[in-house]
Every structure is written in C-alpha cells, then in structure tokens.
Amino acid sequence: MAGKLIHNLQTSQFHFVPLDNSRNVSKLIGAMKHKHLRTTAQVIAALGGKRAVADLTGRSWSAVWNWEDRKAFPPNTYAIIKGALQANGMAAPDSLWGMFTASELAS
C-alpha cells in the first residue's frame, strides 16, 4: 500500500498515512509539492484527503469535512498539519488557523 510516513509533532510519533491508489490523487499531490496552498480544501487534498487528515490529526472524518466546509482549521491542529506540509515541501498561510500578521490585519 502506497503512503507517506508523517511525524506527529504533538505526540512525537510517526504515522503511516495511506494514499488513495488513484492516479488523480498522485498527480494532485505531485502538482502541489513546493507550492503555497491557499485553502483548507487544497491542504486536505495535498495531505491525502479527508481520511488521511483525520488519521494524521486524530480527529473524525466528519470533523475534517467541517474544516473544509468552514474554510478554517482549529488552532490546535496547527503544529501537526503545518509539520506535515513542511515535510512534503508545501506551505499554507497561518490565516487558515485564524492567525494573522499585523500586515494582514492592516489590509
């Protein structure tokens, strides 16, 4: 089974996150590498989909669905998701967790 080994920064454990075997997911992940992701949907897709993000964060699939729907992640998922993104050469704005820089607030 294809997948990625992800380090959970909150628990200091490694988790194997299986990836969907479809070519579309593999292409999507490859295309998003080294890119700055802008939405929760892009982040979730880049990390292997809702089930993979649920496994990564220790949350339910429906919780991840809600994050995508609300277009924001809970702040207590910041370290684990940002770490998984960095491990895969990707980044996302802190604003997806409700955090903003002074310049972002001024705009």
Protein backbone atom coordinates (compact mmCIF):
# COMPACT_ATOMS: atom_id res chain seq x y z
CA MET A 1 0.00 0.00 0.00
CA ALA A 2 1.39 3.39 -1.00
CA GLY A 3 1.55 6.12 1.58
CA LYS A 4 3.63 8.62 3.45
CA LEU A 5 5.27 8.50 6.84
CA ILE A 6 4.19 11.59 8.76
CA HIS A 7 5.66 12.82 12.05
CA ASN A 8 3.03 13.92 14.57
CA LEU A 9 4.65 16.85 16.33
CA GLN A 10 2.09 16.78 19.15
CA THR A 11 2.79 13.18 20.17
CA SER A 12 6.31 12.75 18.72
CA GLN A 13 5.08 9.63 16.95
CA PHE A 14 5.27 8.66 13.31
CA HIS A 15 2.13 7.63 11.43
CA PHE A 16 1.77 5.89 8.11
CA VAL A 17 -0.85 7.71 6.08
CA PRO A 18 -2.10 5.61 3.17
CA LEU A 19 -2.70 7.39 -0.08
CA ASP A 20 -5.53 6.66 -2.46
CA ASN A 21 -4.20 4.45 -5.23
CA SER A 22 -5.84 6.52 -7.94
CA ARG A 23 -3.59 8.34 -10.35
CA ASN A 24 -5.55 11.57 -9.84
CA VAL A 25 -4.52 11.86 -6.19
CA SER A 26 -0.89 11.10 -7.04
CA LYS A 27 -0.92 13.76 -9.74
CA LEU A 28 -2.57 16.27 -7.41
CA ILE A 29 -0.01 15.69 -4.66
CA GLY A 30 2.85 15.93 -7.15
CA ALA A 31 1.48 19.16 -8.61
CA MET A 32 1.06 20.74 -5.17
CA LYS A 33 4.57 19.98 -3.95
CA HIS A 34 6.68 23.08 -3.42
CA LYS A 35 3.60 25.22 -3.66
CA HIS A 36 1.91 27.56 -1.31
CA LEU A 37 -1.58 26.18 -0.70
CA ARG A 38 -4.28 28.78 -0.11
CA THR A 39 -7.39 26.92 1.07
CA THR A 40 -8.33 24.20 3.53
CA ALA A 41 -9.54 22.11 0.59
CA GLN A 42 -6.11 22.34 -1.08
CA VAL A 43 -4.34 21.44 2.18
CA ILE A 44 -6.62 18.45 2.81
CA ALA A 45 -6.19 17.20 -0.77
CA ALA A 46 -2.41 17.69 -0.64
CA LEU A 47 -2.16 15.60 2.53
CA GLY A 48 -4.08 12.69 1.00
CA GLY A 49 -7.72 13.58 1.57
CA LYS A 50 -10.14 13.73 4.46
CA ARG A 51 -9.42 10.24 5.83
CA ALA A 52 -5.65 10.82 5.81
CA VAL A 53 -6.01 14.19 7.58
CA ALA A 54 -8.38 12.63 10.11
CA ASP A 55 -5.80 9.91 10.82
CA LEU A 56 -3.00 12.48 10.98
CA THR A 57 -4.80 14.73 13.48
CA GLY A 58 -6.59 12.02 15.44
CA ARG A 59 -9.95 13.53 14.57
CA SER A 60 -13.01 12.12 12.86
CA TRP A 61 -13.59 12.21 9.13
CA SER A 62 -16.65 14.40 9.72
CA ALA A 63 -14.54 16.92 11.67
CA VAL A 64 -12.22 17.26 8.67
CA TRP A 65 -15.27 17.68 6.44
CA ASN A 66 -16.38 20.57 8.67
CA TRP A 67 -12.96 22.21 8.49
CA GLU A 68 -13.13 22.16 4.72
CA ASP A 69 -16.70 23.48 4.76
CA ARG A 70 -15.87 26.27 7.24
CA LYS A 71 -12.64 27.07 5.38
CA ALA A 72 -10.62 27.04 8.62
CA PHE A 73 -8.69 24.56 10.75
CA PRO A 74 -8.88 24.52 14.57
CA PRO A 75 -5.81 26.22 16.10
CA ASN A 76 -4.81 23.04 17.96
CA THR A 77 -4.14 21.31 14.62
CA TYR A 78 -1.61 23.95 13.54
CA ALA A 79 1.61 22.12 14.50
CA ILE A 80 0.66 18.73 13.09
CA ILE A 81 -0.73 19.98 9.77
CA LYS A 82 1.99 22.60 9.23
CA GLY A 83 4.62 19.96 10.04
CA ALA A 84 3.12 17.50 7.56
CA LEU A 85 3.03 20.20 4.89
CA GLN A 86 6.64 21.20 5.52
CA ALA A 87 7.73 17.55 5.42
CA ASN A 88 6.22 17.38 1.94
CA GLY A 89 7.66 20.66 0.64
CA MET A 90 4.42 22.60 0.92
CA ALA A 91 3.15 25.58 2.90
CA ALA A 92 -0.16 27.20 3.81
CA PRO A 93 -0.98 30.59 5.33
CA ASP A 94 -1.41 30.85 9.09
CA SER A 95 -4.74 32.55 8.40
CA LEU A 96 -6.24 29.08 7.74
CA TRP A 97 -5.92 28.62 11.52
CA GLY A 98 -7.30 32.07 12.33
CA MET A 99 -3.85 33.62 12.82
CA PHE A 100 -2.93 36.83 11.06
CA THR A 101 0.18 39.00 10.86
CA ALA A 102 -0.02 42.73 11.57
CA SER A 103 0.30 43.49 7.84
CA GLU A 104 -2.56 41.13 7.01
CA LEU A 105 -4.79 42.78 9.61
CA ALA A 106 -3.93 46.25 8.25
CA SER A 107 -5.04 45.34 4.71
